[in-house]
Amino acid sequence: MTQDERIRLLIADDHLILRMGLESLLNRQRDMKVVAEAASGQEVVEQYKAHQPDVVLMDLRMPGLSGPEAIQAIVSFDPGARIIILTIHKGDQAVHESLRAGARGYLIKDVPTDEILAAIRSVHGGGRCIPPDIASRMLERMWHGELTPREIHVLKLVARGLGNKEIADKLDISQATVKNHVASVIAKLGAQDRTHAVTLALERSIIDIDELALRARGNRAAGVH
C-alpha cells in the first residue's frame, strides 16, 4: 500500500495525552496516517478545511464550538465528510445530536482499540458505526417520542427542585400546563415519576448536571432561590 492509499485522519480532542496516544496507535497501522490534530471545536473545522482528511475522529465536548456545531460546520463545507465521535458521553441525547448533525459513527472512549480501528475502516468505506446498546436506546427514544424544547426546559426546572407552581410562575404558564408537560416528559422517557425522569434525563444527557450546578451557583450568588 502506498502512502497515497492510506486513510488520512484528523484527530480532535482537547486532551494532548489522548491525542498523542491515538496518533501513535493510528500511525502504526499500515493503512492509516494522521495528517492533522485539533484541540477545540473551531480548530477542528479549520483543520478539516485545510487538510480535507478521509476520516475525522473527534471528541464531543471541546472548547469553543460544541461537537454538533463543529460537525454541522464541517458537513456544510463537505457533505461527504466522514466523522466518528469518540467520547465519554453515553447519553442518547448526545448520540442523537451528533448523528443528526452528520456524524457517521459514535464510540465510547473505553472501547478496545481494535473497535476504533474497525470503525475507522468501516466509516471510510462508506459504512456507519454505532454500538448495539446505543442503537437500541436510539430506537427506544424514537418509539417514545422526542421531548420538545419546552418539555426539556420544564424538566431542567424540575431537576433544580422547583415545584409546579414555581415552574408555572417562572414560565408564566398555568399549573395545569406544567402538570401536562411533566406528565408528557414522564411518558416519553418511560419514567415512573418526576424524580425518575430527572435521573433518566441525566443518564441520557438530555439535561447536563454541570449546567444545573453552574446555574445553581449563579442563583445563590445572585440571592435567587
C-alpha atoms as a PDB file:
ATOM      1  CA  MET A   1       0.000   0.000   0.000  1.00  0.00           C
ATOM      2  CA  THR A   2       1.379   3.396  -0.990  1.00  0.00           C
ATOM      3  CA  GLN A   3       1.202   6.455   1.235  1.00  0.00           C
ATOM      4  CA  ASP A   4      -1.395   7.982  -1.077  1.00  0.00           C
ATOM      5  CA  GLU A   5      -3.716   4.995  -0.453  1.00  0.00           C
ATOM      6  CA  ARG A   6      -3.656   5.254   3.341  1.00  0.00           C
ATOM      7  CA  ILE A   7      -6.665   6.597   5.271  1.00  0.00           C
ATOM      8  CA  ARG A   8      -5.885  10.218   6.131  1.00  0.00           C
ATOM      9  CA  LEU A   9      -7.061  11.092   9.636  1.00  0.00           C
ATOM     10  CA  LEU A  10      -7.785  14.195  11.666  1.00  0.00           C
ATOM     11  CA  ILE A  11      -7.817  13.750  15.464  1.00  0.00           C
ATOM     12  CA  ALA A  12      -9.729  16.307  17.538  1.00  0.00           C
ATOM     13  CA  ASP A  13      -9.597  16.239  21.338  1.00  0.00           C
ATOM     14  CA  ASP A  14      -8.663  18.881  23.903  1.00  0.00           C
ATOM     15  CA  HIS A  15      -6.510  16.420  25.872  1.00  0.00           C
ATOM     16  CA  LEU A  16      -2.967  16.327  24.498  1.00  0.00           C
ATOM     17  CA  ILE A  17      -2.109  12.941  26.031  1.00  0.00           C
ATOM     18  CA  LEU A  18      -5.127  11.311  24.402  1.00  0.00           C
ATOM     19  CA  ARG A  19      -4.280  12.854  21.017  1.00  0.00           C
ATOM     20  CA  MET A  20      -0.713  11.601  21.315  1.00  0.00           C
ATOM     21  CA  GLY A  21      -1.905   8.098  22.189  1.00  0.00           C
ATOM     22  CA  LEU A  22      -4.321   7.981  19.268  1.00  0.00           C
ATOM     23  CA  GLU A  23      -1.729   9.363  16.881  1.00  0.00           C
ATOM     24  CA  SER A  24       0.752   6.694  17.926  1.00  0.00           C
ATOM     25  CA  LEU A  25      -1.855   3.942  17.546  1.00  0.00           C
ATOM     26  CA  LEU A  26      -3.130   5.099  14.161  1.00  0.00           C
ATOM     27  CA  ASN A  27       0.257   5.825  12.620  1.00  0.00           C
ATOM     28  CA  ARG A  28       1.343   2.258  13.426  1.00  0.00           C
ATOM     29  CA  GLN A  29      -1.361   0.937  11.080  1.00  0.00           C
ATOM     30  CA  ARG A  30      -0.202   0.172   7.537  1.00  0.00           C
ATOM     31  CA  ASP A  31      -3.364   1.706   6.066  1.00  0.00           C
ATOM     32  CA  MET A  32      -3.650   4.873   8.188  1.00  0.00           C
ATOM     33  CA  LYS A  33      -1.832   8.130   8.846  1.00  0.00           C
ATOM     34  CA  VAL A  34      -2.695  11.167  10.957  1.00  0.00           C
ATOM     35  CA  VAL A  35      -2.482  14.342   8.883  1.00  0.00           C
ATOM     36  CA  ALA A  36      -3.737  16.892  11.425  1.00  0.00           C
ATOM     37  CA  GLU A  37      -4.835  17.446  15.026  1.00  0.00           C
ATOM     38  CA  ALA A  38      -7.173  19.897  16.738  1.00  0.00           C
ATOM     39  CA  ALA A  39      -7.800  20.878  20.356  1.00  0.00           C
ATOM     40  CA  SER A  40     -11.037  22.885  20.002  1.00  0.00           C
ATOM     41  CA  GLY A  41     -14.281  22.885  18.054  1.00  0.00           C
ATOM     42  CA  GLN A  42     -13.248  25.821  15.892  1.00  0.00           C
ATOM     43  CA  GLU A  43      -9.832  24.336  15.235  1.00  0.00           C
ATOM     44  CA  VAL A  44     -11.241  21.019  14.010  1.00  0.00           C
ATOM     45  CA  VAL A  45     -13.313  22.906  11.424  1.00  0.00           C
ATOM     46  CA  GLU A  46     -10.278  24.900  10.311  1.00  0.00           C
ATOM     47  CA  GLN A  47      -8.050  21.814  10.149  1.00  0.00           C
ATOM     48  CA  TYR A  48     -10.684  19.936   8.173  1.00  0.00           C
ATOM     49  CA  LYS A  49     -10.869  22.705   5.581  1.00  0.00           C
ATOM     50  CA  ALA A  50      -7.070  22.882   5.384  1.00  0.00           C
ATOM     51  CA  HIS A  51      -6.387  19.134   5.076  1.00  0.00           C
ATOM     52  CA  GLN A  52      -9.722  17.578   3.995  1.00  0.00           C
ATOM     53  CA  PRO A  53      -8.966  14.229   5.688  1.00  0.00           C
ATOM     54  CA  ASP A  54     -10.728  10.978   4.848  1.00  0.00           C
ATOM     55  CA  VAL A  55     -11.987  10.447   8.405  1.00  0.00           C
ATOM     56  CA  VAL A  56     -12.298  12.678  11.475  1.00  0.00           C
ATOM     57  CA  LEU A  57     -12.049  11.146  14.955  1.00  0.00           C
ATOM     58  CA  MET A  58     -13.327  13.757  17.400  1.00  0.00           C
ATOM     59  CA  ASP A  59     -14.408  14.281  20.969  1.00  0.00           C
ATOM     60  CA  LEU A  60     -17.923  15.539  21.583  1.00  0.00           C
ATOM     61  CA  ARG A  61     -17.042  18.285  24.040  1.00  0.00           C
ATOM     62  CA  MET A  62     -14.162  20.647  23.377  1.00  0.00           C
ATOM     63  CA  PRO A  63     -13.601  24.363  23.969  1.00  0.00           C
ATOM     64  CA  GLY A  64     -15.342  26.710  21.543  1.00  0.00           C
ATOM     65  CA  LEU A  65     -17.848  25.107  19.207  1.00  0.00           C
ATOM     66  CA  SER A  66     -19.748  22.123  20.589  1.00  0.00           C
ATOM     67  CA  GLY A  67     -19.369  18.756  18.907  1.00  0.00           C
ATOM     68  CA  PRO A  68     -22.658  19.006  16.972  1.00  0.00           C
ATOM     69  CA  GLU A  69     -21.854  22.600  15.931  1.00  0.00           C
ATOM     70  CA  ALA A  70     -18.423  21.555  14.651  1.00  0.00           C
ATOM     71  CA  ILE A  71     -19.946  18.597  12.802  1.00  0.00           C
ATOM     72  CA  GLN A  72     -22.548  20.844  11.164  1.00  0.00           C
ATOM     73  CA  ALA A  73     -19.851  23.299  10.065  1.00  0.00           C
ATOM     74  CA  ILE A  74     -17.741  20.511   8.551  1.00  0.00           C
ATOM     75  CA  VAL A  75     -20.709  18.872   6.812  1.00  0.00           C
ATOM     76  CA  SER A  76     -21.798  22.253   5.430  1.00  0.00           C
ATOM     77  CA  PHE A  77     -18.320  22.588   3.912  1.00  0.00           C
ATOM     78  CA  ASP A  78     -18.196  18.945   2.778  1.00  0.00           C
ATOM     79  CA  PRO A  79     -21.471  16.958   2.772  1.00  0.00           C
ATOM     80  CA  GLY A  80     -19.464  13.769   2.278  1.00  0.00           C
ATOM     81  CA  ALA A  81     -17.410  14.225   5.463  1.00  0.00           C
ATOM     82  CA  ARG A  82     -16.874  11.034   7.446  1.00  0.00           C
ATOM     83  CA  ILE A  83     -16.887  11.841  11.162  1.00  0.00           C
ATOM     84  CA  ILE A  84     -16.648   9.473  14.132  1.00  0.00           C
ATOM     85  CA  ILE A  85     -17.368  10.707  17.642  1.00  0.00           C
ATOM     86  CA  LEU A  86     -15.080   9.281  20.348  1.00  0.00           C
ATOM     87  CA  THR A  87     -16.337  10.423  23.728  1.00  0.00           C
ATOM     88  CA  ILE A  88     -17.107   9.546  27.340  1.00  0.00           C
ATOM     89  CA  HIS A  89     -20.750  10.576  26.916  1.00  0.00           C
ATOM     90  CA  LYS A  90     -23.132   7.625  26.639  1.00  0.00           C
ATOM     91  CA  GLY A  91     -26.403   9.559  26.806  1.00  0.00           C
ATOM     92  CA  ASP A  92     -28.762   9.166  23.875  1.00  0.00           C
ATOM     93  CA  GLN A  93     -29.314  12.932  23.610  1.00  0.00           C
ATOM     94  CA  ALA A  94     -25.628  13.347  22.801  1.00  0.00           C
ATOM     95  CA  VAL A  95     -25.830  10.496  20.279  1.00  0.00           C
ATOM     96  CA  HIS A  96     -28.964  11.942  18.697  1.00  0.00           C
ATOM     97  CA  GLU A  97     -27.498  15.433  18.325  1.00  0.00           C
ATOM     98  CA  SER A  98     -24.264  14.083  16.849  1.00  0.00           C
ATOM     99  CA  LEU A  99     -25.925  11.781  14.315  1.00  0.00           C
ATOM    100  CA  ARG A 100     -28.464  14.439  13.370  1.00  0.00           C
ATOM    101  CA  ALA A 101     -25.580  16.864  12.745  1.00  0.00           C
ATOM    102  CA  GLY A 102     -23.927  14.382  10.377  1.00  0.00           C
ATOM    103  CA  ALA A 103     -21.631  12.033  12.344  1.00  0.00           C
ATOM    104  CA  ARG A 104     -21.365   8.527  10.903  1.00  0.00           C
ATOM    105  CA  GLY A 105     -20.010   6.784  13.964  1.00  0.00           C
ATOM    106  CA  TYR A 106     -20.234   7.042  17.744  1.00  0.00           C
ATOM    107  CA  LEU A 107     -17.816   5.292  20.098  1.00  0.00           C
ATOM    108  CA  ILE A 108     -17.223   5.440  23.841  1.00  0.00           C
ATOM    109  CA  LYS A 109     -13.598   6.048  24.845  1.00  0.00           C
ATOM    110  CA  ASP A 110     -13.276   2.811  26.808  1.00  0.00           C
ATOM    111  CA  VAL A 111     -13.795   0.619  23.721  1.00  0.00           C
ATOM    112  CA  PRO A 112     -10.923  -1.703  22.714  1.00  0.00           C
ATOM    113  CA  THR A 113      -8.507  -0.215  20.203  1.00  0.00           C
ATOM    114  CA  ASP A 114      -9.483  -2.876  17.666  1.00  0.00           C
ATOM    115  CA  GLU A 115     -13.012  -1.454  17.640  1.00  0.00           C
ATOM    116  CA  ILE A 116     -11.694   2.055  16.981  1.00  0.00           C
ATOM    117  CA  LEU A 117      -9.637   0.795  14.052  1.00  0.00           C
ATOM    118  CA  ALA A 118     -12.559  -1.244  12.699  1.00  0.00           C
ATOM    119  CA  ALA A 119     -14.854   1.785  12.970  1.00  0.00           C
ATOM    120  CA  ILE A 120     -12.410   3.967  11.043  1.00  0.00           C
ATOM    121  CA  ARG A 121     -12.131   1.417   8.240  1.00  0.00           C
ATOM    122  CA  SER A 122     -15.903   0.898   8.142  1.00  0.00           C
ATOM    123  CA  VAL A 123     -16.760   4.592   8.024  1.00  0.00           C
ATOM    124  CA  HIS A 124     -14.010   5.229   5.469  1.00  0.00           C
ATOM    125  CA  GLY A 125     -15.617   2.542   3.314  1.00  0.00           C
ATOM    126  CA  GLY A 126     -18.987   4.287   3.460  1.00  0.00           C
ATOM    127  CA  GLY A 127     -20.479   2.474   6.431  1.00  0.00           C
ATOM    128  CA  ARG A 128     -21.690   3.606   9.824  1.00  0.00           C
ATOM    129  CA  CYS A 129     -20.614   2.510  13.274  1.00  0.00           C
ATOM    130  CA  ILE A 130     -22.997   2.684  16.222  1.00  0.00           C
ATOM    131  CA  PRO A 131     -22.621   0.148  19.073  1.00  0.00           C
ATOM    132  CA  PRO A 132     -25.683  -2.118  19.542  1.00  0.00           C
ATOM    133  CA  ASP A 133     -26.551  -0.807  23.019  1.00  0.00           C
ATOM    134  CA  ILE A 134     -26.559   2.795  21.787  1.00  0.00           C
ATOM    135  CA  ALA A 135     -28.576   1.874  18.686  1.00  0.00           C
ATOM    136  CA  SER A 136     -31.114   0.109  20.930  1.00  0.00           C
ATOM    137  CA  ARG A 137     -31.548   3.215  23.085  1.00  0.00           C
ATOM    138  CA  MET A 138     -31.993   5.351  19.976  1.00  0.00           C
ATOM    139  CA  LEU A 139     -34.799   3.065  18.784  1.00  0.00           C
ATOM    140  CA  GLU A 140     -36.446   3.240  22.205  1.00  0.00           C
ATOM    141  CA  ARG A 141     -36.213   7.019  22.060  1.00  0.00           C
ATOM    142  CA  MET A 142     -37.920   7.041  18.653  1.00  0.00           C
ATOM    143  CA  TRP A 143     -40.741   4.830  19.931  1.00  0.00           C
ATOM    144  CA  HIS A 144     -41.405   7.033  22.979  1.00  0.00           C
ATOM    145  CA  GLY A 145     -41.148  10.316  21.072  1.00  0.00           C
ATOM    146  CA  GLU A 146     -38.903  13.381  21.225  1.00  0.00           C
ATOM    147  CA  LEU A 147     -39.044  15.846  24.086  1.00  0.00           C
ATOM    148  CA  THR A 148     -39.972  19.328  22.908  1.00  0.00           C
ATOM    149  CA  PRO A 149     -37.770  22.317  23.842  1.00  0.00           C
ATOM    150  CA  ARG A 150     -40.428  23.450  26.332  1.00  0.00           C
ATOM    151  CA  GLU A 151     -40.573  19.988  27.915  1.00  0.00           C
ATOM    152  CA  ILE A 152     -36.782  19.982  28.295  1.00  0.00           C
ATOM    153  CA  HIS A 153     -36.965  23.447  29.883  1.00  0.00           C
ATOM    154  CA  VAL A 154     -39.604  22.236  32.343  1.00  0.00           C
ATOM    155  CA  LEU A 155     -37.536  19.136  33.073  1.00  0.00           C
ATOM    156  CA  LYS A 156     -34.481  21.267  33.869  1.00  0.00           C
ATOM    157  CA  LEU A 157     -36.560  23.267  36.357  1.00  0.00           C
ATOM    158  CA  VAL A 158     -37.859  20.052  37.917  1.00  0.00           C
ATOM    159  CA  ALA A 159     -34.240  18.890  38.228  1.00  0.00           C
ATOM    160  CA  ARG A 160     -33.435  22.103  40.098  1.00  0.00           C
ATOM    161  CA  GLY A 161     -36.093  21.165  42.665  1.00  0.00           C
ATOM    162  CA  LEU A 162     -38.869  23.566  41.619  1.00  0.00           C
ATOM    163  CA  GLY A 163     -42.493  22.564  42.168  1.00  0.00           C
ATOM    164  CA  ASN A 164     -45.286  23.000  39.635  1.00  0.00           C
ATOM    165  CA  LYS A 165     -46.362  26.409  40.992  1.00  0.00           C
ATOM    166  CA  GLU A 166     -42.799  27.752  40.931  1.00  0.00           C
ATOM    167  CA  ILE A 167     -42.323  26.486  37.375  1.00  0.00           C
ATOM    168  CA  ALA A 168     -45.633  27.993  36.324  1.00  0.00           C
ATOM    169  CA  ASP A 169     -44.674  31.381  37.791  1.00  0.00           C
ATOM    170  CA  LYS A 170     -41.225  31.266  36.213  1.00  0.00           C
ATOM    171  CA  LEU A 171     -42.530  30.378  32.731  1.00  0.00           C
ATOM    172  CA  ASP A 172     -45.707  32.473  33.032  1.00  0.00           C
ATOM    173  CA  ILE A 173     -47.969  29.500  32.297  1.00  0.00           C
ATOM    174  CA  SER A 174     -50.699  27.758  34.294  1.00  0.00           C
ATOM    175  CA  GLN A 175     -50.024  24.996  36.781  1.00  0.00           C
ATOM    176  CA  ALA A 176     -52.251  22.739  34.686  1.00  0.00           C
ATOM    177  CA  THR A 177     -49.970  23.301  31.676  1.00  0.00           C
ATOM    178  CA  VAL A 178     -46.913  22.500  33.789  1.00  0.00           C
ATOM    179  CA  LYS A 179     -48.604  19.333  35.014  1.00  0.00           C
ATOM    180  CA  ASN A 180     -49.311  18.315  31.410  1.00  0.00           C
ATOM    181  CA  HIS A 181     -45.691  18.955  30.403  1.00  0.00           C
ATOM    182  CA  VAL A 182     -44.381  16.900  33.322  1.00  0.00           C
ATOM    183  CA  ALA A 183     -46.776  14.046  32.527  1.00  0.00           C
ATOM    184  CA  SER A 184     -45.654  14.096  28.890  1.00  0.00           C
ATOM    185  CA  VAL A 185     -41.983  14.040  29.893  1.00  0.00           C
ATOM    186  CA  ILE A 186     -42.554  11.080  32.216  1.00  0.00           C
ATOM    187  CA  ALA A 187     -44.391   9.171  29.480  1.00  0.00           C
ATOM    188  CA  LYS A 188     -41.812   9.885  26.767  1.00  0.00           C
ATOM    189  CA  LEU A 189     -38.913   8.873  28.983  1.00  0.00           C
ATOM    190  CA  GLY A 190     -40.710   5.794  30.251  1.00  0.00           C
ATOM    191  CA  ALA A 191     -40.157   7.025  33.800  1.00  0.00           C
ATOM    192  CA  GLN A 192     -42.026   6.079  36.967  1.00  0.00           C
ATOM    193  CA  ASP A 193     -42.274   9.601  38.373  1.00  0.00           C
ATOM    194  CA  ARG A 194     -40.662  13.045  38.079  1.00  0.00           C
ATOM    195  CA  THR A 195     -37.610  12.071  40.139  1.00  0.00           C
ATOM    196  CA  HIS A 196     -37.042   9.029  37.937  1.00  0.00           C
ATOM    197  CA  ALA A 197     -37.497  11.255  34.879  1.00  0.00           C
ATOM    198  CA  VAL A 198     -34.692  13.535  36.070  1.00  0.00           C
ATOM    199  CA  THR A 199     -32.442  10.524  36.719  1.00  0.00           C
ATOM    200  CA  LEU A 200     -33.079   9.138  33.229  1.00  0.00           C
ATOM    201  CA  ALA A 201     -32.580  12.561  31.647  1.00  0.00           C
ATOM    202  CA  LEU A 202     -29.191  12.918  33.348  1.00  0.00           C
ATOM    203  CA  GLU A 203     -28.169   9.403  32.287  1.00  0.00           C
ATOM    204  CA  ARG A 204     -29.145  10.130  28.690  1.00  0.00           C
ATOM    205  CA  SER A 205     -27.528  13.595  28.631  1.00  0.00           C
ATOM    206  CA  ILE A 206     -30.875  15.255  27.894  1.00  0.00           C
ATOM    207  CA  ILE A 207     -30.014  17.608  30.728  1.00  0.00           C
ATOM    208  CA  ASP A 208     -26.483  18.401  31.854  1.00  0.00           C
ATOM    209  CA  ILE A 209     -25.560  18.113  35.518  1.00  0.00           C
ATOM    210  CA  ASP A 210     -22.713  20.618  35.058  1.00  0.00           C
ATOM    211  CA  GLU A 211     -25.156  23.159  33.642  1.00  0.00           C
ATOM    212  CA  LEU A 212     -27.527  22.614  36.566  1.00  0.00           C
ATOM    213  CA  ALA A 213     -24.716  23.038  39.100  1.00  0.00           C
ATOM    214  CA  LEU A 214     -23.461  26.192  37.370  1.00  0.00           C
ATOM    215  CA  ARG A 215     -26.943  27.710  37.298  1.00  0.00           C
ATOM    216  CA  ALA A 216     -27.492  26.835  40.948  1.00  0.00           C
ATOM    217  CA  ARG A 217     -24.231  28.539  41.935  1.00  0.00           C
ATOM    218  CA  GLY A 218     -25.212  31.569  39.881  1.00  0.00           C
ATOM    219  CA  ASN A 219     -28.585  31.770  41.578  1.00  0.00           C
ATOM    220  CA  ARG A 220     -27.010  31.535  45.042  1.00  0.00           C
ATOM    221  CA  ALA A 221     -24.564  34.279  44.167  1.00  0.00           C
ATOM    222  CA  ALA A 222     -27.422  36.470  42.977  1.00  0.00           C
ATOM    223  CA  GLY A 223     -29.545  35.644  46.014  1.00  0.00           C
ATOM    224  CA  VAL A 224     -32.169  33.836  43.912  1.00  0.00           C
ATOM    225  CA  HIS A 225     -33.922  30.856  45.472  1.00  0.00           C
END
